[in-house]
Amino acid sequence: MAHVLLVEDDPDTSETVRDMLEFLGHQVTQAANGLEALAEASHLRPDVVLTDLLMPEMDGIEVMVEFGERFQGVPILAMSAQHEAPYLPTAHLLGARAVLAKPFGLEALRSAITTALHSNP
């Protein structure tokens, strides 16, 4: 399966999503914010980045921009609990292969990962 870099500042959400990803057979590296994610990615190349959009230090939109510049070709998935705000549509416009509204289930996550791994940018 894939190596997923999970970028999520909420520890409970991060653990839940990590468990889901591992259940689906993926290897997971966790980062609590965008700065940690960039540091992790500098010595490993994930197959997919799954990032929350609202985080301290460096938010998910900034993560998407930085990854697009530094690690071209790595697909990015975005997630957010802020359904009413324009975060998810903005992430989609910036190139997210899929967007997930939290809370999401196992099948939505499976579909998003599959989309990220098998679609062209």
Protein backbone atom coordinates (compact mmCIF):
# COMPACT_ATOMS: atom_id res chain seq x y z
CA MET A 1 0.00 0.00 0.00
CA ALA A 2 1.00 3.65 0.36
CA HIS A 3 3.12 5.65 2.76
CA VAL A 4 0.86 8.46 4.02
CA LEU A 5 2.12 11.61 5.73
CA LEU A 6 -0.73 12.59 8.07
CA VAL A 7 -0.69 16.26 9.12
CA GLU A 8 -3.16 16.92 11.95
CA ASP A 9 -2.81 19.09 15.04
CA ASP A 10 -5.54 17.45 17.14
CA PRO A 11 -4.02 14.37 18.83
CA ASP A 12 -7.32 12.46 19.08
CA THR A 13 -8.18 13.04 15.43
CA SER A 14 -4.64 12.19 14.38
CA GLU A 15 -4.75 8.87 16.23
CA THR A 16 -8.18 8.00 14.83
CA VAL A 17 -7.18 8.76 11.25
CA ARG A 18 -3.87 6.94 11.71
CA ASP A 19 -5.74 3.87 12.94
CA MET A 20 -8.04 4.03 9.92
CA LEU A 21 -5.12 4.35 7.51
CA GLU A 22 -3.27 1.46 9.13
CA PHE A 23 -6.44 -0.65 9.01
CA LEU A 24 -6.50 0.03 5.26
CA GLY A 25 -2.93 -1.27 5.07
CA HIS A 26 -1.02 2.00 4.75
CA GLN A 27 2.19 3.02 6.48
CA VAL A 28 1.69 6.31 8.36
CA THR A 29 4.04 9.07 9.46
CA GLN A 30 2.39 11.71 11.65
CA ALA A 31 3.10 15.44 11.92
CA ALA A 32 1.32 17.89 14.22
CA ASN A 33 1.59 20.86 11.85
CA GLY A 34 2.92 21.93 8.48
CA LEU A 35 6.42 22.70 9.71
CA GLU A 36 6.78 19.18 11.12
CA ALA A 37 5.37 17.77 7.88
CA LEU A 38 7.99 19.56 5.78
CA ALA A 39 10.74 18.35 8.10
CA GLU A 40 9.49 14.75 7.85
CA ALA A 41 9.15 14.95 4.07
CA SER A 42 12.71 16.23 3.70
CA HIS A 43 14.04 12.78 4.69
CA LEU A 44 11.21 10.58 3.43
CA ARG A 45 9.07 10.85 0.37
CA PRO A 46 5.47 9.99 1.16
CA ASP A 47 3.19 8.59 -1.51
CA VAL A 48 0.33 10.80 -0.26
CA VAL A 49 -0.04 13.76 2.11
CA LEU A 50 -3.29 13.99 4.09
CA THR A 51 -3.48 17.39 5.76
CA ASP A 52 -5.90 19.19 8.00
CA LEU A 53 -6.51 22.74 6.84
CA LEU A 54 -6.74 24.67 10.11
CA MET A 55 -3.58 24.26 12.18
CA PRO A 56 -1.12 26.45 14.09
CA GLU A 57 2.40 27.12 12.82
CA MET A 58 1.58 26.45 9.16
CA ASP A 59 -1.93 25.72 7.98
CA GLY A 60 -2.99 23.16 5.40
CA ILE A 61 -3.22 25.64 2.54
CA GLU A 62 0.40 26.65 3.21
CA VAL A 63 1.31 22.96 3.38
CA MET A 64 -0.25 22.43 -0.05
CA VAL A 65 1.65 25.36 -1.55
CA GLU A 66 5.00 24.33 -0.02
CA PHE A 67 4.61 20.68 -1.00
CA GLY A 68 3.66 21.72 -4.51
CA GLU A 69 6.89 23.67 -4.81
CA ARG A 70 9.26 21.29 -2.98
CA PHE A 71 7.81 17.84 -3.65
CA GLN A 72 6.12 18.00 -7.01
CA GLY A 73 4.02 15.01 -7.87
CA VAL A 74 3.14 14.02 -4.31
CA PRO A 75 -0.67 13.98 -4.19
CA ILE A 76 -2.33 15.93 -1.41
CA LEU A 77 -5.64 15.25 0.28
CA ALA A 78 -7.28 17.91 2.45
CA MET A 79 -9.57 17.52 5.43
CA SER A 80 -11.45 19.97 7.62
CA ALA A 81 -14.25 20.09 10.15
CA GLN A 82 -15.13 23.61 8.98
CA HIS A 83 -17.87 22.66 6.54
CA GLU A 84 -19.39 26.12 6.25
CA ALA A 85 -16.14 27.93 5.50
CA PRO A 86 -14.59 27.86 2.03
CA TYR A 87 -11.56 25.83 3.14
CA LEU A 88 -12.36 22.56 1.37
CA PRO A 89 -13.35 24.18 -1.94
CA THR A 90 -10.22 26.34 -1.77
CA ALA A 91 -8.08 23.26 -1.17
CA HIS A 92 -9.68 21.58 -4.16
CA LEU A 93 -8.95 24.63 -6.33
CA LEU A 94 -5.31 24.56 -5.16
CA GLY A 95 -4.88 21.01 -6.34
CA ALA A 96 -6.05 18.68 -3.58
CA ARG A 97 -6.84 15.36 -5.26
CA ALA A 98 -9.73 14.86 -2.83
CA VAL A 99 -11.26 16.69 0.12
CA LEU A 100 -12.75 15.12 3.22
CA ALA A 101 -15.23 16.77 5.58
CA LYS A 102 -14.58 15.65 9.15
CA PRO A 103 -15.79 13.43 10.57
CA PHE A 104 -15.45 10.96 7.71
CA GLY A 105 -15.70 7.20 7.57
CA LEU A 106 -13.44 4.43 6.44
CA GLU A 107 -14.94 4.16 2.96
CA ALA A 108 -14.58 7.89 2.30
CA LEU A 109 -10.94 7.69 3.35
CA ARG A 110 -10.34 4.60 1.21
CA SER A 111 -11.89 6.33 -1.80
CA ALA A 112 -9.83 9.51 -1.27
CA ILE A 113 -6.57 7.56 -1.03
CA THR A 114 -7.44 5.54 -4.12
CA THR A 115 -8.26 8.74 -6.01
CA ALA A 116 -4.98 10.34 -4.93
CA LEU A 117 -2.89 7.37 -5.97
CA HIS A 118 -4.56 6.75 -9.32
CA SER A 119 -5.41 10.16 -10.74
CA ASN A 120 -3.25 12.56 -12.67
CA PRO A 121 -2.65 16.03 -11.24
